[in-house]
Amino acid sequence: MNNTKWVVYLVRCSDKSLYCGISNDFESRLIEHNSGKGAKYTRSRRPVELIAVSPEMTKSEALKLEYRIKQLPADKKISILKREENEI
């Protein structure tokens, strides 16, 4: 079983706030967010727009990166994901 198909993604909500999550199928997850079936946070903040996505990694790595990103102020969240993307 290939366990390296997880990504961390960052979306901008309609109220300009940021939401960070992980998924093993982020394209379907974005559709869920925009249809109101995604995370509770994004349901009242639709539509959401993809801002950044990490390279594929294990679920454990994705959870750790998501936690690190959620600890940062909003202006630094995008740059850390962009940095991860460029390291590949």
N, C-alpha and C. Protein backbone atom coordinates (compact mmCIF):
# COMPACT_ATOMS: atom_id res chain seq x y z
N MET A 1 0.84 -1.19 0.00
CA MET A 1 0.00 0.00 0.00
C MET A 1 0.88 1.24 0.00
N ASN A 2 0.65 2.14 -0.96
CA ASN A 2 1.43 3.37 -1.06
C ASN A 2 0.86 4.41 -0.12
N ASN A 3 1.65 4.79 0.88
CA ASN A 3 1.20 5.72 1.91
C ASN A 3 1.73 7.12 1.68
N THR A 4 2.19 7.45 0.46
CA THR A 4 2.79 8.76 0.22
C THR A 4 1.92 9.66 -0.65
N LYS A 5 0.64 9.50 -0.62
CA LYS A 5 -0.23 10.29 -1.47
C LYS A 5 -0.98 11.39 -0.73
N TRP A 6 -0.51 11.79 0.40
CA TRP A 6 -1.17 12.85 1.16
C TRP A 6 -0.55 14.20 0.85
N VAL A 7 -1.38 15.24 0.84
CA VAL A 7 -0.90 16.60 0.64
C VAL A 7 -1.51 17.52 1.69
N VAL A 8 -0.84 18.62 1.93
CA VAL A 8 -1.37 19.68 2.76
C VAL A 8 -1.80 20.78 1.79
N TYR A 9 -2.99 21.31 1.99
CA TYR A 9 -3.47 22.35 1.09
C TYR A 9 -3.93 23.56 1.90
N LEU A 10 -3.91 24.70 1.24
CA LEU A 10 -4.32 25.95 1.86
C LEU A 10 -5.30 26.62 0.92
N VAL A 11 -6.46 26.98 1.44
CA VAL A 11 -7.47 27.68 0.63
C VAL A 11 -7.80 29.02 1.27
N ARG A 12 -8.19 29.95 0.40
CA ARG A 12 -8.66 31.24 0.88
C ARG A 12 -10.18 31.22 0.78
N CYS A 13 -10.84 31.54 1.87
CA CYS A 13 -12.29 31.56 1.92
C CYS A 13 -12.82 32.89 1.41
N SER A 14 -14.12 32.98 1.19
CA SER A 14 -14.73 34.20 0.66
C SER A 14 -14.55 35.39 1.58
N ASP A 15 -14.37 35.16 2.88
CA ASP A 15 -14.15 36.26 3.82
C ASP A 15 -12.67 36.59 3.97
N LYS A 16 -11.84 36.06 3.06
CA LYS A 16 -10.39 36.29 3.00
C LYS A 16 -9.60 35.55 4.09
N SER A 17 -10.25 34.73 4.89
CA SER A 17 -9.54 33.93 5.88
C SER A 17 -8.90 32.73 5.17
N LEU A 18 -7.95 32.09 5.85
CA LEU A 18 -7.27 30.92 5.30
C LEU A 18 -7.69 29.67 6.05
N TYR A 19 -7.78 28.57 5.31
CA TYR A 19 -8.08 27.27 5.90
C TYR A 19 -7.02 26.30 5.41
N CYS A 20 -6.44 25.55 6.34
CA CYS A 20 -5.41 24.56 6.01
C CYS A 20 -5.95 23.17 6.34
N GLY A 21 -5.72 22.22 5.45
CA GLY A 21 -6.15 20.86 5.69
C GLY A 21 -5.25 19.87 4.98
N ILE A 22 -5.50 18.59 5.21
CA ILE A 22 -4.77 17.54 4.50
C ILE A 22 -5.78 16.65 3.79
N SER A 23 -5.30 15.99 2.74
CA SER A 23 -6.18 15.09 2.00
C SER A 23 -5.34 14.15 1.15
N ASN A 24 -5.90 12.99 0.85
CA ASN A 24 -5.26 12.09 -0.10
C ASN A 24 -5.90 12.21 -1.48
N ASP A 25 -6.87 13.13 -1.61
CA ASP A 25 -7.51 13.47 -2.88
C ASP A 25 -7.99 14.91 -2.79
N PHE A 26 -7.05 15.86 -2.86
CA PHE A 26 -7.41 17.24 -2.55
C PHE A 26 -8.34 17.87 -3.58
N GLU A 27 -8.33 17.38 -4.83
CA GLU A 27 -9.25 17.94 -5.83
C GLU A 27 -10.70 17.65 -5.43
N SER A 28 -10.97 16.43 -4.99
CA SER A 28 -12.32 16.09 -4.51
C SER A 28 -12.64 16.84 -3.23
N ARG A 29 -11.64 17.03 -2.40
CA ARG A 29 -11.83 17.76 -1.14
C ARG A 29 -12.23 19.22 -1.41
N LEU A 30 -11.63 19.85 -2.42
CA LEU A 30 -12.01 21.21 -2.77
C LEU A 30 -13.45 21.29 -3.24
N ILE A 31 -13.86 20.29 -4.00
CA ILE A 31 -15.26 20.23 -4.46
C ILE A 31 -16.18 20.11 -3.25
N GLU A 32 -15.79 19.28 -2.27
CA GLU A 32 -16.59 19.15 -1.04
C GLU A 32 -16.68 20.48 -0.31
N HIS A 33 -15.55 21.16 -0.17
CA HIS A 33 -15.57 22.46 0.51
C HIS A 33 -16.52 23.43 -0.19
N ASN A 34 -16.47 23.48 -1.51
CA ASN A 34 -17.29 24.44 -2.25
C ASN A 34 -18.76 24.03 -2.37
N SER A 35 -19.06 22.77 -2.09
CA SER A 35 -20.46 22.33 -2.14
C SER A 35 -21.12 22.39 -0.76
N GLY A 36 -20.35 22.77 0.27
CA GLY A 36 -20.90 22.86 1.62
C GLY A 36 -20.81 21.57 2.40
N LYS A 37 -20.11 20.57 1.86
CA LYS A 37 -19.98 19.28 2.54
C LYS A 37 -18.59 19.08 3.14
N GLY A 38 -17.75 20.10 3.05
CA GLY A 38 -16.39 20.00 3.59
C GLY A 38 -16.37 20.32 5.07
N ALA A 39 -15.30 20.92 5.48
CA ALA A 39 -15.11 21.26 6.89
C ALA A 39 -16.16 22.28 7.36
N LYS A 40 -16.51 22.18 8.62
CA LYS A 40 -17.48 23.10 9.21
C LYS A 40 -17.05 24.55 9.02
N TYR A 41 -15.74 24.80 9.13
CA TYR A 41 -15.23 26.17 9.02
C TYR A 41 -15.52 26.76 7.64
N THR A 42 -15.40 25.96 6.60
CA THR A 42 -15.56 26.51 5.24
C THR A 42 -17.01 26.55 4.77
N ARG A 43 -17.90 25.88 5.45
CA ARG A 43 -19.30 25.82 4.99
C ARG A 43 -19.94 27.19 4.85
N SER A 44 -19.69 28.08 5.79
CA SER A 44 -20.30 29.41 5.73
C SER A 44 -19.37 30.43 5.08
N ARG A 45 -18.26 29.97 4.52
CA ARG A 45 -17.27 30.87 3.93
C ARG A 45 -16.99 30.51 2.48
N ARG A 46 -17.98 30.01 1.78
CA ARG A 46 -17.82 29.62 0.39
C ARG A 46 -17.99 30.81 -0.53
N PRO A 47 -17.38 30.73 -1.70
CA PRO A 47 -16.51 29.68 -2.22
C PRO A 47 -15.09 29.80 -1.67
N VAL A 48 -14.38 28.68 -1.76
CA VAL A 48 -12.98 28.68 -1.37
C VAL A 48 -12.12 28.57 -2.63
N GLU A 49 -10.92 29.13 -2.54
CA GLU A 49 -10.01 29.14 -3.68
C GLU A 49 -8.67 28.54 -3.23
N LEU A 50 -8.16 27.60 -4.01
CA LEU A 50 -6.89 26.97 -3.68
C LEU A 50 -5.76 27.99 -3.78
N ILE A 51 -4.97 28.08 -2.72
CA ILE A 51 -3.84 29.01 -2.69
C ILE A 51 -2.53 28.26 -2.87
N ALA A 52 -2.36 27.14 -2.18
CA ALA A 52 -1.11 26.39 -2.25
C ALA A 52 -1.36 24.93 -1.90
N VAL A 53 -0.52 24.07 -2.44
CA VAL A 53 -0.59 22.64 -2.12
C VAL A 53 0.84 22.11 -2.03
N SER A 54 1.06 21.24 -1.06
CA SER A 54 2.39 20.67 -0.86
C SER A 54 2.62 19.53 -1.85
N PRO A 55 3.86 19.07 -1.95
CA PRO A 55 4.12 17.83 -2.68
C PRO A 55 3.53 16.65 -1.92
N GLU A 56 3.42 15.51 -2.59
CA GLU A 56 2.90 14.31 -1.93
C GLU A 56 3.85 13.87 -0.83
N MET A 57 3.26 13.37 0.26
CA MET A 57 4.03 12.90 1.41
C MET A 57 3.22 11.85 2.14
N THR A 58 3.79 11.27 3.18
CA THR A 58 3.04 10.31 3.98
C THR A 58 2.01 11.05 4.82
N LYS A 59 1.05 10.33 5.33
CA LYS A 59 0.02 10.93 6.18
C LYS A 59 0.64 11.55 7.42
N SER A 60 1.59 10.87 8.01
CA SER A 60 2.26 11.39 9.20
C SER A 60 2.97 12.71 8.91
N GLU A 61 3.69 12.77 7.80
CA GLU A 61 4.37 14.01 7.42
C GLU A 61 3.36 15.13 7.16
N ALA A 62 2.25 14.79 6.51
CA ALA A 62 1.22 15.79 6.21
C ALA A 62 0.60 16.34 7.49
N LEU A 63 0.32 15.48 8.44
CA LEU A 63 -0.25 15.93 9.71
C LEU A 63 0.71 16.86 10.46
N LYS A 64 2.00 16.52 10.42
CA LYS A 64 3.00 17.35 11.09
C LYS A 64 3.13 18.72 10.42
N LEU A 65 3.14 18.73 9.09
CA LEU A 65 3.23 20.00 8.36
C LEU A 65 1.98 20.84 8.59
N GLU A 66 0.81 20.20 8.56
CA GLU A 66 -0.44 20.93 8.82
C GLU A 66 -0.41 21.59 10.20
N TYR A 67 0.07 20.87 11.19
CA TYR A 67 0.16 21.41 12.55
C TYR A 67 1.09 22.62 12.57
N ARG A 68 2.27 22.49 11.92
CA ARG A 68 3.21 23.61 11.88
C ARG A 68 2.59 24.84 11.22
N ILE A 69 1.87 24.62 10.13
CA ILE A 69 1.26 25.74 9.41
C ILE A 69 0.19 26.40 10.26
N LYS A 70 -0.61 25.61 10.95
CA LYS A 70 -1.69 26.17 11.76
C LYS A 70 -1.17 26.99 12.94
N GLN A 71 0.09 26.82 13.31
CA GLN A 71 0.67 27.60 14.41
C GLN A 71 1.16 28.97 13.95
N LEU A 72 1.25 29.18 12.65
CA LEU A 72 1.82 30.40 12.10
C LEU A 72 0.76 31.49 11.92
N PRO A 73 1.20 32.76 11.90
CA PRO A 73 0.28 33.83 11.54
C PRO A 73 -0.07 33.71 10.05
N ALA A 74 -1.20 34.25 9.67
CA ALA A 74 -1.73 34.08 8.31
C ALA A 74 -0.73 34.46 7.22
N ASP A 75 0.01 35.53 7.41
CA ASP A 75 0.92 35.98 6.35
C ASP A 75 2.08 35.02 6.12
N LYS A 76 2.38 34.14 7.05
CA LYS A 76 3.49 33.19 6.90
C LYS A 76 3.02 31.82 6.39
N LYS A 77 1.73 31.55 6.45
CA LYS A 77 1.21 30.23 6.06
C LYS A 77 1.47 29.93 4.59
N ILE A 78 1.24 30.90 3.75
CA ILE A 78 1.43 30.68 2.31
C ILE A 78 2.91 30.44 2.00
N SER A 79 3.78 31.22 2.60
CA SER A 79 5.20 31.09 2.29
C SER A 79 5.77 29.74 2.71
N ILE A 80 5.33 29.18 3.81
CA ILE A 80 5.87 27.88 4.22
C ILE A 80 5.43 26.78 3.26
N LEU A 81 4.20 26.84 2.76
CA LEU A 81 3.77 25.83 1.79
C LEU A 81 4.49 26.01 0.47
N LYS A 82 4.70 27.24 0.05
CA LYS A 82 5.44 27.50 -1.19
C LYS A 82 6.87 26.98 -1.07
N ARG A 83 7.47 27.16 0.11
CA ARG A 83 8.83 26.67 0.34
C ARG A 83 8.86 25.14 0.24
N GLU A 84 7.89 24.47 0.84
CA GLU A 84 7.81 23.00 0.76
C GLU A 84 7.69 22.57 -0.70
N GLU A 85 6.88 23.29 -1.47
CA GLU A 85 6.66 22.97 -2.87
C GLU A 85 7.96 23.11 -3.67
N ASN A 86 8.76 24.12 -3.37
CA ASN A 86 9.99 24.36 -4.11
C ASN A 86 11.13 23.43 -3.72
N GLU A 87 11.05 22.78 -2.57
CA GLU A 87 12.12 21.89 -2.14
C GLU A 87 12.13 20.58 -2.89
N ILE A 88 11.06 20.27 -3.56
CA ILE A 88 11.00 19.00 -4.33
C ILE A 88 11.71 19.15 -5.66
